[in-house]
């Protein structure tokens, strides 16, 4: 999971506390990135050090570990408005583990598969962010594209899929393509929901949107002024009407309040308005973000 560093106000100052210098609790260089864990007051963060600047992947309030810190993490739970009782969950990207940890508390009987390419991230999540594997929660140290393709061959099905894999700078390009999304769609049960964490502004925004639209048709585009992220919510079936979303929000809201998720506010924020350039090309395995960067 990741939090954009613009504007800085979105990612900083979430707790009113005296200024304390950040303490480095852990540093290591994995096969994929430089990893740092910092502590500033009650705020503990997993940081991926990348060439465009550090990126906070997960932050936890150690005084109230259940309460989600980042707005985008809370926004992810808007997907539950379309499926309020998931039983087979797939999460691509672990970070500090806040999403599977929260979902486990909400749905203790649900089976949760987490895909994380970096064993070092798994180790840090367990050591510093209270993440635990259980009988129902398993981590596969693998590339998400490989895992999803294999799951399709094994005819595995999930009713709630979260795509939240970030390198630090952005989503790995092979997890942005039409072919990959078709592979994800193939492992989704008929009533399944896909929740994808992307950015509300990026040079890939139009291409991403066209790609998701091509695979899933109409989807919910979820943005908040307090976050630099956007959440794409899609499913194989037609999207539900607003009244149905509001009814689910009223029913589910008391269960997610402890995690700081203002679910009642979300239905009216879910938009199907096309705010992207429809003439842009869909991203494919042959035409990926690297092509866009080269063209520019």
C-alpha atoms as a PDB file:
ATOM      1  CA  UNK A   1       0.000   0.000   0.000  1.00  0.00           C
ATOM      2  CA  UNK A   2       1.177   3.464  -0.706  1.00  0.00           C
ATOM      3  CA  UNK A   3       0.460   7.068   0.134  1.00  0.00           C
ATOM      4  CA  UNK A   4       1.383   9.799  -2.314  1.00  0.00           C
ATOM      5  CA  UNK A   5       3.515  12.554  -0.929  1.00  0.00           C
ATOM      6  CA  UNK A   6       1.492  15.350  -2.560  1.00  0.00           C
ATOM      7  CA  UNK A   7       0.068  17.363  -1.014  1.00  0.00           C
ATOM      8  CA  UNK A   8       2.180  16.698   2.047  1.00  0.00           C
ATOM      9  CA  UNK A   9      -0.703  17.664   4.297  1.00  0.00           C
ATOM     10  CA  UNK A  10      -2.560  14.517   3.237  1.00  0.00           C
ATOM     11  CA  UNK A  11       0.135  12.223   4.560  1.00  0.00           C
ATOM     12  CA  UNK A  12       1.502  14.209   7.481  1.00  0.00           C
ATOM     13  CA  UNK A  13       0.114  15.700  10.644  1.00  0.00           C
ATOM     14  CA  UNK A  14      -2.640  13.147  11.054  1.00  0.00           C
ATOM     15  CA  UNK A  15      -2.159  13.176  14.818  1.00  0.00           C
ATOM     16  CA  UNK A  16      -1.995  16.307  16.911  1.00  0.00           C
ATOM     17  CA  UNK A  17       1.142  15.716  18.949  1.00  0.00           C
ATOM     18  CA  UNK A  18       4.297  17.646  19.743  1.00  0.00           C
ATOM     19  CA  UNK A  19       6.978  17.409  17.084  1.00  0.00           C
ATOM     20  CA  UNK A  20       9.278  14.466  17.629  1.00  0.00           C
ATOM     21  CA  UNK A  21      12.206  13.540  15.430  1.00  0.00           C
ATOM     22  CA  UNK A  22      11.571  10.309  13.538  1.00  0.00           C
ATOM     23  CA  UNK A  23      13.509   7.341  14.874  1.00  0.00           C
ATOM     24  CA  UNK A  24      14.703   4.666  12.467  1.00  0.00           C
ATOM     25  CA  UNK A  25      13.694   1.275  13.812  1.00  0.00           C
ATOM     26  CA  UNK A  26      14.867  -0.836  10.901  1.00  0.00           C
ATOM     27  CA  UNK A  27      16.709  -0.541   7.583  1.00  0.00           C
ATOM     28  CA  UNK A  28      17.512  -3.137   4.962  1.00  0.00           C
ATOM     29  CA  UNK A  29      18.051  -3.548   1.260  1.00  0.00           C
ATOM     30  CA  UNK A  30      15.941  -6.352  -0.170  1.00  0.00           C
ATOM     31  CA  UNK A  31      16.106  -7.867  -3.635  1.00  0.00           C
ATOM     32  CA  UNK A  32      13.649  -5.220  -4.832  1.00  0.00           C
ATOM     33  CA  UNK A  33      14.040  -2.017  -2.800  1.00  0.00           C
ATOM     34  CA  UNK A  34      15.436  -0.215   0.217  1.00  0.00           C
ATOM     35  CA  UNK A  35      13.114  -0.679   3.186  1.00  0.00           C
ATOM     36  CA  UNK A  36      12.953   1.544   6.264  1.00  0.00           C
ATOM     37  CA  UNK A  37      10.698   1.484   9.317  1.00  0.00           C
ATOM     38  CA  UNK A  38      10.415   4.792  11.174  1.00  0.00           C
ATOM     39  CA  UNK A  39       8.699   5.859  14.378  1.00  0.00           C
ATOM     40  CA  UNK A  40       7.604   9.419  15.141  1.00  0.00           C
ATOM     41  CA  UNK A  41       5.551   9.667  18.297  1.00  0.00           C
ATOM     42  CA  UNK A  42       2.776   7.091  17.919  1.00  0.00           C
ATOM     43  CA  UNK A  43       3.177   6.982  14.150  1.00  0.00           C
ATOM     44  CA  UNK A  44       5.109   4.001  12.773  1.00  0.00           C
ATOM     45  CA  UNK A  45       5.668   3.845   9.010  1.00  0.00           C
ATOM     46  CA  UNK A  46       6.998   1.430   6.440  1.00  0.00           C
ATOM     47  CA  UNK A  47       8.938   3.405   3.836  1.00  0.00           C
ATOM     48  CA  UNK A  48      10.118   2.257   0.429  1.00  0.00           C
ATOM     49  CA  UNK A  49      13.156   4.298  -0.620  1.00  0.00           C
ATOM     50  CA  UNK A  50      12.987   4.905  -4.353  1.00  0.00           C
ATOM     51  CA  UNK A  51      14.721   7.193  -6.815  1.00  0.00           C
ATOM     52  CA  UNK A  52      11.855   9.706  -6.958  1.00  0.00           C
ATOM     53  CA  UNK A  53      11.659  10.130  -3.208  1.00  0.00           C
ATOM     54  CA  UNK A  54      10.570   8.061  -0.246  1.00  0.00           C
ATOM     55  CA  UNK A  55       7.069   6.578  -0.223  1.00  0.00           C
ATOM     56  CA  UNK A  56       5.161   5.648   2.918  1.00  0.00           C
ATOM     57  CA  UNK A  57       3.585   2.268   2.196  1.00  0.00           C
ATOM     58  CA  UNK A  58       1.897   1.755   5.547  1.00  0.00           C
ATOM     59  CA  UNK A  59       1.603   3.771   8.723  1.00  0.00           C
ATOM     60  CA  UNK A  60       0.207   2.543  12.022  1.00  0.00           C
ATOM     61  CA  UNK A  61      -0.841   4.463  15.114  1.00  0.00           C
ATOM     62  CA  UNK A  62       0.823   2.360  17.805  1.00  0.00           C
ATOM     63  CA  UNK A  63      -1.473   3.870  20.458  1.00  0.00           C
ATOM     64  CA  UNK A  64      -4.550   2.683  18.502  1.00  0.00           C
ATOM     65  CA  UNK A  65      -3.376  -0.044  16.093  1.00  0.00           C
ATOM     66  CA  UNK A  66      -6.854  -0.951  14.844  1.00  0.00           C
ATOM     67  CA  UNK A  67      -7.582   2.509  13.477  1.00  0.00           C
ATOM     68  CA  UNK A  68      -6.497   2.908   9.863  1.00  0.00           C
ATOM     69  CA  UNK A  69      -4.236   5.892   9.266  1.00  0.00           C
ATOM     70  CA  UNK A  70      -4.337   6.612   5.539  1.00  0.00           C
ATOM     71  CA  UNK A  71      -7.477   7.776   3.777  1.00  0.00           C
ATOM     72  CA  UNK A  72      -6.935   5.470   0.809  1.00  0.00           C
ATOM     73  CA  UNK A  73      -6.819   2.426   3.092  1.00  0.00           C
ATOM     74  CA  UNK A  74     -10.212   3.386   4.500  1.00  0.00           C
ATOM     75  CA  UNK A  75     -11.513   4.026   0.975  1.00  0.00           C
ATOM     76  CA  UNK A  76     -10.674   0.452   0.009  1.00  0.00           C
ATOM     77  CA  UNK A  77     -13.500  -0.752   2.259  1.00  0.00           C
ATOM     78  CA  UNK A  78     -16.018   0.948  -0.034  1.00  0.00           C
ATOM     79  CA  UNK A  79     -15.773  -2.292  -2.022  1.00  0.00           C
ATOM     80  CA  UNK A  80     -17.743  -3.958   0.774  1.00  0.00           C
ATOM     81  CA  UNK A  81     -20.752  -1.900  -0.289  1.00  0.00           C
ATOM     82  CA  UNK A  82     -20.977  -4.204  -3.317  1.00  0.00           C
ATOM     83  CA  UNK A  83     -20.239  -7.394  -1.387  1.00  0.00           C
ATOM     84  CA  UNK A  84     -20.709  -6.981   2.371  1.00  0.00           C
ATOM     85  CA  UNK A  85     -19.889 -10.601   3.234  1.00  0.00           C
ATOM     86  CA  UNK A  86     -16.813 -11.803   1.313  1.00  0.00           C
ATOM     87  CA  UNK A  87     -15.587 -15.298   2.106  1.00  0.00           C
ATOM     88  CA  UNK A  88     -12.667 -15.761  -0.312  1.00  0.00           C
ATOM     89  CA  UNK A  89     -10.416 -12.718  -0.507  1.00  0.00           C
ATOM     90  CA  UNK A  90      -7.326 -12.075  -2.599  1.00  0.00           C
ATOM     91  CA  UNK A  91      -4.979  -9.153  -1.881  1.00  0.00           C
ATOM     92  CA  UNK A  92      -2.084  -8.279  -4.181  1.00  0.00           C
ATOM     93  CA  UNK A  93       0.455  -6.293  -2.169  1.00  0.00           C
ATOM     94  CA  UNK A  94       1.030  -6.632   1.572  1.00  0.00           C
ATOM     95  CA  UNK A  95       2.763  -3.468   2.761  1.00  0.00           C
ATOM     96  CA  UNK A  96       2.464  -3.484   6.546  1.00  0.00           C
ATOM     97  CA  UNK A  97      -0.552  -5.764   6.368  1.00  0.00           C
ATOM     98  CA  UNK A  98      -3.236  -3.333   7.516  1.00  0.00           C
ATOM     99  CA  UNK A  99      -5.795  -4.475   4.925  1.00  0.00           C
ATOM    100  CA  UNK A 100      -5.661  -8.239   5.623  1.00  0.00           C
ATOM    101  CA  UNK A 101      -5.421  -7.572   9.369  1.00  0.00           C
ATOM    102  CA  UNK A 102      -8.562  -5.425   9.318  1.00  0.00           C
ATOM    103  CA  UNK A 103     -10.460  -7.802   7.031  1.00  0.00           C
ATOM    104  CA  UNK A 104      -9.588 -10.704   9.340  1.00  0.00           C
ATOM    105  CA  UNK A 105     -11.139  -8.857  12.273  1.00  0.00           C
ATOM    106  CA  UNK A 106     -14.248  -8.068  10.229  1.00  0.00           C
ATOM    107  CA  UNK A 107     -14.560 -11.538   8.699  1.00  0.00           C
ATOM    108  CA  UNK A 108     -12.764 -14.061  10.944  1.00  0.00           C
ATOM    109  CA  UNK A 109     -14.076 -17.022   8.934  1.00  0.00           C
ATOM    110  CA  UNK A 110     -13.000 -15.673   5.547  1.00  0.00           C
ATOM    111  CA  UNK A 111     -10.086 -17.203   3.653  1.00  0.00           C
ATOM    112  CA  UNK A 112      -7.539 -14.520   2.724  1.00  0.00           C
ATOM    113  CA  UNK A 113      -4.686 -15.046   0.263  1.00  0.00           C
ATOM    114  CA  UNK A 114      -2.081 -12.289   0.160  1.00  0.00           C
ATOM    115  CA  UNK A 115       0.453 -12.017  -2.642  1.00  0.00           C
ATOM    116  CA  UNK A 116       3.713 -10.212  -1.863  1.00  0.00           C
ATOM    117  CA  UNK A 117       6.744 -10.429  -4.097  1.00  0.00           C
ATOM    118  CA  UNK A 118       9.248  -9.392  -1.414  1.00  0.00           C
ATOM    119  CA  UNK A 119       9.943 -11.704   1.534  1.00  0.00           C
ATOM    120  CA  UNK A 120      11.590  -8.793   3.346  1.00  0.00           C
ATOM    121  CA  UNK A 121       8.273  -6.905   3.332  1.00  0.00           C
ATOM    122  CA  UNK A 122       6.533  -9.938   4.837  1.00  0.00           C
ATOM    123  CA  UNK A 123       9.161 -10.118   7.582  1.00  0.00           C
ATOM    124  CA  UNK A 124       8.844  -6.409   8.382  1.00  0.00           C
ATOM    125  CA  UNK A 125       5.025  -6.551   8.451  1.00  0.00           C
ATOM    126  CA  UNK A 126       5.155  -9.359  11.001  1.00  0.00           C
ATOM    127  CA  UNK A 127       7.882  -7.831  13.143  1.00  0.00           C
ATOM    128  CA  UNK A 128       6.791  -4.186  13.232  1.00  0.00           C
ATOM    129  CA  UNK A 129       3.112  -3.974  12.178  1.00  0.00           C
ATOM    130  CA  UNK A 130       1.394  -6.835  14.030  1.00  0.00           C
ATOM    131  CA  UNK A 131       0.640  -8.790  10.865  1.00  0.00           C
ATOM    132  CA  UNK A 132       0.077 -12.513  11.417  1.00  0.00           C
ATOM    133  CA  UNK A 133      -0.476 -15.480   9.184  1.00  0.00           C
ATOM    134  CA  UNK A 134      -3.186 -17.800  10.457  1.00  0.00           C
ATOM    135  CA  UNK A 135      -5.094 -20.856   9.352  1.00  0.00           C
ATOM    136  CA  UNK A 136      -7.239 -18.549   7.199  1.00  0.00           C
ATOM    137  CA  UNK A 137      -4.649 -15.930   6.240  1.00  0.00           C
ATOM    138  CA  UNK A 138      -1.804 -17.059   4.002  1.00  0.00           C
ATOM    139  CA  UNK A 139       0.957 -15.134   2.230  1.00  0.00           C
ATOM    140  CA  UNK A 140       2.349 -16.301  -1.091  1.00  0.00           C
ATOM    141  CA  UNK A 141       5.766 -14.799  -1.815  1.00  0.00           C
ATOM    142  CA  UNK A 142       5.312 -14.484  -5.540  1.00  0.00           C
ATOM    143  CA  UNK A 143       4.702 -12.121  -8.421  1.00  0.00           C
ATOM    144  CA  UNK A 144       0.986 -11.289  -8.557  1.00  0.00           C
ATOM    145  CA  UNK A 145       0.808 -11.954 -12.300  1.00  0.00           C
ATOM    146  CA  UNK A 146       2.217 -15.456 -11.835  1.00  0.00           C
ATOM    147  CA  UNK A 147      -0.061 -16.190  -8.864  1.00  0.00           C
ATOM    148  CA  UNK A 148      -3.209 -15.020 -10.670  1.00  0.00           C
ATOM    149  CA  UNK A 149      -2.388 -16.971 -13.830  1.00  0.00           C
ATOM    150  CA  UNK A 150      -1.794 -20.125 -11.779  1.00  0.00           C
ATOM    151  CA  UNK A 151      -5.000 -19.569  -9.800  1.00  0.00           C
ATOM    152  CA  UNK A 152      -6.872 -19.397 -13.083  1.00  0.00           C
ATOM    153  CA  UNK A 153      -5.404 -22.695 -14.249  1.00  0.00           C
ATOM    154  CA  UNK A 154      -6.410 -24.268 -10.921  1.00  0.00           C
ATOM    155  CA  UNK A 155      -9.934 -22.800 -11.297  1.00  0.00           C
ATOM    156  CA  UNK A 156      -9.692 -20.953  -7.982  1.00  0.00           C
ATOM    157  CA  UNK A 157     -12.323 -18.273  -7.415  1.00  0.00           C
ATOM    158  CA  UNK A 158     -12.405 -15.192  -5.194  1.00  0.00           C
ATOM    159  CA  UNK A 159     -15.359 -12.990  -4.286  1.00  0.00           C
ATOM    160  CA  UNK A 160     -13.286  -9.963  -3.214  1.00  0.00           C
ATOM    161  CA  UNK A 161     -10.055  -8.950  -4.945  1.00  0.00           C
ATOM    162  CA  UNK A 162      -7.843  -6.028  -3.898  1.00  0.00           C
ATOM    163  CA  UNK A 163      -5.044  -4.830  -6.186  1.00  0.00           C
ATOM    164  CA  UNK A 164      -2.653  -2.794  -4.053  1.00  0.00           C
ATOM    165  CA  UNK A 165       0.803  -3.699  -5.350  1.00  0.00           C
ATOM    166  CA  UNK A 166       3.268  -0.816  -5.572  1.00  0.00           C
ATOM    167  CA  UNK A 167       6.976  -0.704  -6.239  1.00  0.00           C
ATOM    168  CA  UNK A 168       7.218   2.633  -4.453  1.00  0.00           C
ATOM    169  CA  UNK A 169       7.011   4.886  -7.494  1.00  0.00           C
ATOM    170  CA  UNK A 170       3.964   3.234  -9.041  1.00  0.00           C
ATOM    171  CA  UNK A 171       2.168   0.006  -9.860  1.00  0.00           C
ATOM    172  CA  UNK A 172       4.333  -2.566 -11.700  1.00  0.00           C
ATOM    173  CA  UNK A 173       3.448  -2.160 -15.360  1.00  0.00           C
ATOM    174  CA  UNK A 174       2.625  -5.828 -15.968  1.00  0.00           C
ATOM    175  CA  UNK A 175      -0.140  -5.450 -13.360  1.00  0.00           C
ATOM    176  CA  UNK A 176      -1.773  -2.609 -15.289  1.00  0.00           C
ATOM    177  CA  UNK A 177      -2.510  -4.281 -18.602  1.00  0.00           C
ATOM    178  CA  UNK A 178      -5.677  -5.511 -20.241  1.00  0.00           C
ATOM    179  CA  UNK A 179      -4.328  -9.056 -20.288  1.00  0.00           C
ATOM    180  CA  UNK A 180      -3.660  -9.029 -16.549  1.00  0.00           C
ATOM    181  CA  UNK A 181      -7.095  -7.634 -15.734  1.00  0.00           C
ATOM    182  CA  UNK A 182      -8.685 -10.327 -17.897  1.00  0.00           C
ATOM    183  CA  UNK A 183      -6.740 -12.912 -15.892  1.00  0.00           C
ATOM    184  CA  UNK A 184      -8.026 -11.340 -12.663  1.00  0.00           C
ATOM    185  CA  UNK A 185     -11.573 -11.297 -14.012  1.00  0.00           C
ATOM    186  CA  UNK A 186     -11.278 -15.013 -14.774  1.00  0.00           C
ATOM    187  CA  UNK A 187     -10.664 -15.868 -11.090  1.00  0.00           C
ATOM    188  CA  UNK A 188     -13.544 -13.717  -9.835  1.00  0.00           C
ATOM    189  CA  UNK A 189     -16.791 -15.431  -8.884  1.00  0.00           C
ATOM    190  CA  UNK A 190     -19.943 -14.114 -10.603  1.00  0.00           C
ATOM    191  CA  UNK A 191     -20.764 -11.781  -7.684  1.00  0.00           C
ATOM    192  CA  UNK A 192     -17.136 -10.812  -6.962  1.00  0.00           C
ATOM    193  CA  UNK A 193     -15.865  -7.273  -6.487  1.00  0.00           C
ATOM    194  CA  UNK A 194     -12.535  -5.869  -7.664  1.00  0.00           C
ATOM    195  CA  UNK A 195     -10.991  -2.979  -5.724  1.00  0.00           C
ATOM    196  CA  UNK A 196      -7.898  -1.342  -7.218  1.00  0.00           C
ATOM    197  CA  UNK A 197      -5.800   1.343  -5.561  1.00  0.00           C
ATOM    198  CA  UNK A 198      -4.339   3.800  -8.082  1.00  0.00           C
ATOM    199  CA  UNK A 199      -3.583   7.533  -8.120  1.00  0.00           C
ATOM    200  CA  UNK A 200      -6.068  10.307  -8.792  1.00  0.00           C
ATOM    201  CA  UNK A 201      -3.516  12.154 -10.908  1.00  0.00           C
ATOM    202  CA  UNK A 202      -0.835  10.529 -13.031  1.00  0.00           C
ATOM    203  CA  UNK A 203       0.236  10.477 -16.653  1.00  0.00           C
ATOM    204  CA  UNK A 204      -1.310   7.011 -16.886  1.00  0.00           C
ATOM    205  CA  UNK A 205      -4.747   8.037 -15.558  1.00  0.00           C
ATOM    206  CA  UNK A 206      -6.543   8.104 -18.921  1.00  0.00           C
ATOM    207  CA  UNK A 207      -4.920   4.880 -20.106  1.00  0.00           C
ATOM    208  CA  UNK A 208      -5.667   3.081 -16.830  1.00  0.00           C
ATOM    209  CA  UNK A 209      -9.280   4.167 -16.930  1.00  0.00           C
ATOM    210  CA  UNK A 210      -9.770   3.076 -20.536  1.00  0.00           C
ATOM    211  CA  UNK A 211      -8.168  -0.273 -19.724  1.00  0.00           C
ATOM    212  CA  UNK A 212     -10.419  -0.995 -16.725  1.00  0.00           C
ATOM    213  CA  UNK A 213     -13.441   0.131 -18.729  1.00  0.00           C
ATOM    214  CA  UNK A 214     -12.540  -2.183 -21.599  1.00  0.00           C
ATOM    215  CA  UNK A 215     -12.315  -5.203 -19.291  1.00  0.00           C
ATOM    216  CA  UNK A 216     -15.105  -4.508 -16.790  1.00  0.00           C
ATOM    217  CA  UNK A 217     -17.350  -1.973 -18.490  1.00  0.00           C
ATOM    218  CA  UNK A 218     -18.765   0.721 -16.208  1.00  0.00           C
ATOM    219  CA  UNK A 219     -16.987   0.997 -12.853  1.00  0.00           C
ATOM    220  CA  UNK A 220     -17.134   3.166  -9.753  1.00  0.00           C
ATOM    221  CA  UNK A 221     -14.423   5.826  -9.633  1.00  0.00           C
ATOM    222  CA  UNK A 222     -13.928   6.778  -5.989  1.00  0.00           C
ATOM    223  CA  UNK A 223     -11.980   9.901  -5.034  1.00  0.00           C
ATOM    224  CA  UNK A 224     -11.830  12.142  -1.994  1.00  0.00           C
ATOM    225  CA  UNK A 225     -10.368  15.661  -1.765  1.00  0.00           C
ATOM    226  CA  UNK A 226      -8.335  14.498   1.236  1.00  0.00           C
ATOM    227  CA  UNK A 227      -6.457  11.820  -0.718  1.00  0.00           C
ATOM    228  CA  UNK A 228      -4.156  11.687  -3.723  1.00  0.00           C
ATOM    229  CA  UNK A 229      -5.343   8.145  -4.430  1.00  0.00           C
ATOM    230  CA  UNK A 230      -8.397   6.928  -6.268  1.00  0.00           C
ATOM    231  CA  UNK A 231     -10.104   3.591  -5.802  1.00  0.00           C
ATOM    232  CA  UNK A 232     -11.528   1.745  -8.800  1.00  0.00           C
ATOM    233  CA  UNK A 233     -14.398  -0.574  -7.875  1.00  0.00           C
ATOM    234  CA  UNK A 234     -15.611  -2.988 -10.539  1.00  0.00           C
ATOM    235  CA  UNK A 235     -17.452  -6.271 -10.844  1.00  0.00           C
ATOM    236  CA  UNK A 236     -18.657  -8.710 -13.476  1.00  0.00           C
ATOM    237  CA  UNK A 237     -22.314  -7.903 -12.863  1.00  0.00           C
ATOM    238  CA  UNK A 238     -23.983  -4.522 -13.379  1.00  0.00           C
ATOM    239  CA  UNK A 239     -23.227  -1.974 -10.672  1.00  0.00           C
ATOM    240  CA  UNK A 240     -25.873  -1.675  -7.925  1.00  0.00           C
ATOM    241  CA  UNK A 241     -28.141   1.393  -7.596  1.00  0.00           C
ATOM    242  CA  UNK A 242     -27.331   4.124  -5.093  1.00  0.00           C
ATOM    243  CA  UNK A 243     -30.173   3.133  -2.789  1.00  0.00           C
ATOM    244  CA  UNK A 244     -28.748  -0.348  -2.390  1.00  0.00           C
ATOM    245  CA  UNK A 245     -25.313   1.076  -1.554  1.00  0.00           C
ATOM    246  CA  UNK A 246     -26.822   3.344   1.112  1.00  0.00           C
ATOM    247  CA  UNK A 247     -28.696   0.448   2.687  1.00  0.00           C
ATOM    248  CA  UNK A 248     -25.535  -1.654   2.911  1.00  0.00           C
ATOM    249  CA  UNK A 249     -23.592   1.310   4.325  1.00  0.00           C
ATOM    250  CA  UNK A 250     -26.151   1.758   7.110  1.00  0.00           C
ATOM    251  CA  UNK A 251     -25.990  -1.937   7.956  1.00  0.00           C
ATOM    252  CA  UNK A 252     -22.208  -2.285   7.819  1.00  0.00           C
ATOM    253  CA  UNK A 253     -21.155   1.084   9.256  1.00  0.00           C
ATOM    254  CA  UNK A 254     -21.231   0.094  12.966  1.00  0.00           C
ATOM    255  CA  UNK A 255     -18.805  -2.770  12.245  1.00  0.00           C
ATOM    256  CA  UNK A 256     -16.170  -0.584  10.582  1.00  0.00           C
ATOM    257  CA  UNK A 257     -16.342   2.463  12.876  1.00  0.00           C
ATOM    258  CA  UNK A 258     -13.584   1.104  15.151  1.00  0.00           C
ATOM    259  CA  UNK A 259     -11.226   1.138  12.171  1.00  0.00           C
ATOM    260  CA  UNK A 260     -11.974   4.782  11.365  1.00  0.00           C
ATOM    261  CA  UNK A 261     -13.861   4.017   8.149  1.00  0.00           C
ATOM    262  CA  UNK A 262     -16.654   6.609   7.522  1.00  0.00           C
ATOM    263  CA  UNK A 263     -18.638   4.202   5.360  1.00  0.00           C
ATOM    264  CA  UNK A 264     -21.860   6.227   5.441  1.00  0.00           C
ATOM    265  CA  UNK A 265     -20.102   9.007   3.511  1.00  0.00           C
ATOM    266  CA  UNK A 266     -18.951   6.756   0.676  1.00  0.00           C
ATOM    267  CA  UNK A 267     -22.022   5.862  -1.446  1.00  0.00           C
ATOM    268  CA  UNK A 268     -22.514   9.418  -2.681  1.00  0.00           C
ATOM    269  CA  UNK A 269     -18.819   9.611  -3.580  1.00  0.00           C
ATOM    270  CA  UNK A 270     -18.882   6.626  -5.905  1.00  0.00           C
ATOM    271  CA  UNK A 271     -19.058   8.052  -9.413  1.00  0.00           C
ATOM    272  CA  UNK A 272     -19.499   6.472 -12.833  1.00  0.00           C
ATOM    273  CA  UNK A 273     -18.824   9.755 -14.634  1.00  0.00           C
ATOM    274  CA  UNK A 274     -16.199   9.447 -17.349  1.00  0.00           C
ATOM    275  CA  UNK A 275     -13.524  12.016 -16.479  1.00  0.00           C
ATOM    276  CA  UNK A 276     -10.813  10.588 -18.724  1.00  0.00           C
ATOM    277  CA  UNK A 277      -9.910  10.858 -22.391  1.00  0.00           C
ATOM    278  CA  UNK A 278     -11.714   7.970 -24.083  1.00  0.00           C
ATOM    279  CA  UNK A 279      -9.464   8.221 -27.128  1.00  0.00           C
ATOM    280  CA  UNK A 280      -6.429   6.982 -25.208  1.00  0.00           C
ATOM    281  CA  UNK A 281      -5.111   3.504 -25.888  1.00  0.00           C
ATOM    282  CA  UNK A 282      -5.726   0.702 -23.441  1.00  0.00           C
ATOM    283  CA  UNK A 283      -2.607  -0.612 -21.728  1.00  0.00           C
ATOM    284  CA  UNK A 284      -1.556  -4.044 -22.969  1.00  0.00           C
ATOM    285  CA  UNK A 285       1.427  -6.318 -22.595  1.00  0.00           C
ATOM    286  CA  UNK A 286       2.692  -4.797 -25.854  1.00  0.00           C
ATOM    287  CA  UNK A 287       1.719  -1.190 -25.068  1.00  0.00           C
ATOM    288  CA  UNK A 288       2.570  -0.552 -21.432  1.00  0.00           C
ATOM    289  CA  UNK A 289       3.597   2.452 -19.311  1.00  0.00           C
ATOM    290  CA  UNK A 290       7.173   2.131 -20.555  1.00  0.00           C
ATOM    291  CA  UNK A 291       5.878   2.882 -24.068  1.00  0.00           C
ATOM    292  CA  UNK A 292       4.075   5.967 -22.764  1.00  0.00           C
ATOM    293  CA  UNK A 293       7.164   7.258 -21.033  1.00  0.00           C
ATOM    294  CA  UNK A 294       9.235   6.718 -24.163  1.00  0.00           C
ATOM    295  CA  UNK A 295       6.610   8.421 -26.344  1.00  0.00           C
ATOM    296  CA  UNK A 296       6.712  11.471 -24.049  1.00  0.00           C
END
